[in-house]
Amino acid sequence: MSRKWPSDVNFLIVSVKYGLLHPQTQIPYYNQRITSQIIQELQQSIETQLEHGFHNEKSPMTRPKGINR
């Protein structure tokens, strides 16, 4: 399913399994719920990515150590 967003709207997606993603990044289907522990594990890594600019538009970010989902 492809959806067109207005050109002035920018957003990223947080995936439990793959971390921070651009909307164009395609990933395989998975079924996993997000938990408080996963949120804590992802938070610092995502904050760092955003502070340094998230420029990799084709690939998901590298998950922080300890997140092997």
C-alpha atoms as a PDB file:
ATOM      1  CA  MET A   1       0.000   0.000   0.000  1.00  0.00           C
ATOM      2  CA  SER A   2       1.447   3.303  -1.026  1.00  0.00           C
ATOM      3  CA  ARG A   3       0.285   6.559   0.474  1.00  0.00           C
ATOM      4  CA  LYS A   4       1.152  10.035  -0.716  1.00  0.00           C
ATOM      5  CA  TRP A   5       1.909  12.566   2.022  1.00  0.00           C
ATOM      6  CA  PRO A   6       2.128  16.314   1.506  1.00  0.00           C
ATOM      7  CA  SER A   7       5.642  17.396   0.539  1.00  0.00           C
ATOM      8  CA  ASP A   8       5.999  19.549   3.663  1.00  0.00           C
ATOM      9  CA  VAL A   9       5.325  16.610   6.033  1.00  0.00           C
ATOM     10  CA  ASN A  10       8.359  14.704   7.307  1.00  0.00           C
ATOM     11  CA  PHE A  11       8.210  11.777   9.691  1.00  0.00           C
ATOM     12  CA  LEU A  12      10.037   8.627  10.746  1.00  0.00           C
ATOM     13  CA  ILE A  13       8.705   5.293  11.945  1.00  0.00           C
ATOM     14  CA  VAL A  14       9.775   3.452  15.096  1.00  0.00           C
ATOM     15  CA  SER A  15       9.772  -0.295  14.546  1.00  0.00           C
ATOM     16  CA  VAL A  16      10.074  -2.679  17.487  1.00  0.00           C
ATOM     17  CA  LYS A  17      12.211  -5.032  15.430  1.00  0.00           C
ATOM     18  CA  TYR A  18      14.148  -2.669  13.148  1.00  0.00           C
ATOM     19  CA  GLY A  19      14.393   0.575  15.106  1.00  0.00           C
ATOM     20  CA  LEU A  20      14.124   3.952  13.383  1.00  0.00           C
ATOM     21  CA  LEU A  21      12.975   3.838   9.746  1.00  0.00           C
ATOM     22  CA  HIS A  22      12.138   6.203   6.932  1.00  0.00           C
ATOM     23  CA  PRO A  23       8.641   5.680   5.517  1.00  0.00           C
ATOM     24  CA  GLN A  24      10.142   4.428   2.221  1.00  0.00           C
ATOM     25  CA  THR A  25      12.092   1.633   3.912  1.00  0.00           C
ATOM     26  CA  GLN A  26      10.564  -1.740   3.174  1.00  0.00           C
ATOM     27  CA  ILE A  27      10.828  -4.447   5.827  1.00  0.00           C
ATOM     28  CA  PRO A  28       9.434  -7.963   6.034  1.00  0.00           C
ATOM     29  CA  TYR A  29       6.207  -8.525   7.942  1.00  0.00           C
ATOM     30  CA  TYR A  30       6.563  -9.329  11.633  1.00  0.00           C
ATOM     31  CA  ASN A  31       4.175  -9.441  14.571  1.00  0.00           C
ATOM     32  CA  GLN A  32       5.666  -8.162  17.807  1.00  0.00           C
ATOM     33  CA  ARG A  33       4.239  -5.932  20.512  1.00  0.00           C
ATOM     34  CA  ILE A  34       6.217  -3.078  21.961  1.00  0.00           C
ATOM     35  CA  THR A  35       6.902  -3.305  25.689  1.00  0.00           C
ATOM     36  CA  SER A  36       8.162  -0.826  28.270  1.00  0.00           C
ATOM     37  CA  GLN A  37      11.540  -2.590  28.246  1.00  0.00           C
ATOM     38  CA  ILE A  38      11.883  -2.291  24.468  1.00  0.00           C
ATOM     39  CA  ILE A  39      10.950   1.401  24.636  1.00  0.00           C
ATOM     40  CA  GLN A  40      13.697   2.016  27.193  1.00  0.00           C
ATOM     41  CA  GLU A  41      16.221   0.113  25.081  1.00  0.00           C
ATOM     42  CA  LEU A  42      15.350   2.007  21.894  1.00  0.00           C
ATOM     43  CA  GLN A  43      14.996   5.477  23.424  1.00  0.00           C
ATOM     44  CA  GLN A  44      18.650   6.418  23.819  1.00  0.00           C
ATOM     45  CA  SER A  45      19.651   5.038  20.445  1.00  0.00           C
ATOM     46  CA  ILE A  46      16.850   6.876  18.658  1.00  0.00           C
ATOM     47  CA  GLU A  47      17.614  10.133  20.474  1.00  0.00           C
ATOM     48  CA  THR A  48      21.257   9.868  19.374  1.00  0.00           C
ATOM     49  CA  GLN A  49      20.243   9.183  15.775  1.00  0.00           C
ATOM     50  CA  LEU A  50      17.949  12.205  15.733  1.00  0.00           C
ATOM     51  CA  GLU A  51      20.514  14.504  17.361  1.00  0.00           C
ATOM     52  CA  HIS A  52      23.088  13.593  14.694  1.00  0.00           C
ATOM     53  CA  GLY A  53      20.618  13.681  11.829  1.00  0.00           C
ATOM     54  CA  PHE A  54      19.046  10.600  10.363  1.00  0.00           C
ATOM     55  CA  HIS A  55      20.115  10.539   6.713  1.00  0.00           C
ATOM     56  CA  ASN A  56      20.032   6.896   5.701  1.00  0.00           C
ATOM     57  CA  GLU A  57      16.834   6.800   3.673  1.00  0.00           C
ATOM     58  CA  LYS A  58      17.090   3.238   2.365  1.00  0.00           C
ATOM     59  CA  SER A  59      18.100   1.181   5.389  1.00  0.00           C
ATOM     60  CA  PRO A  60      16.944   0.879   8.979  1.00  0.00           C
ATOM     61  CA  MET A  61      19.254   2.188  11.655  1.00  0.00           C
ATOM     62  CA  THR A  62      21.522  -0.186  13.494  1.00  0.00           C
ATOM     63  CA  ARG A  63      19.804  -1.452  16.593  1.00  0.00           C
ATOM     64  CA  PRO A  64      21.567  -0.790  19.877  1.00  0.00           C
ATOM     65  CA  LYS A  65      23.421  -3.645  21.550  1.00  0.00           C
ATOM     66  CA  GLY A  66      21.134  -5.868  23.529  1.00  0.00           C
ATOM     67  CA  ILE A  67      18.190  -5.568  21.160  1.00  0.00           C
ATOM     68  CA  ASN A  68      18.101  -8.843  19.279  1.00  0.00           C
ATOM     69  CA  ARG A  69      14.543  -9.029  18.092  1.00  0.00           C
END
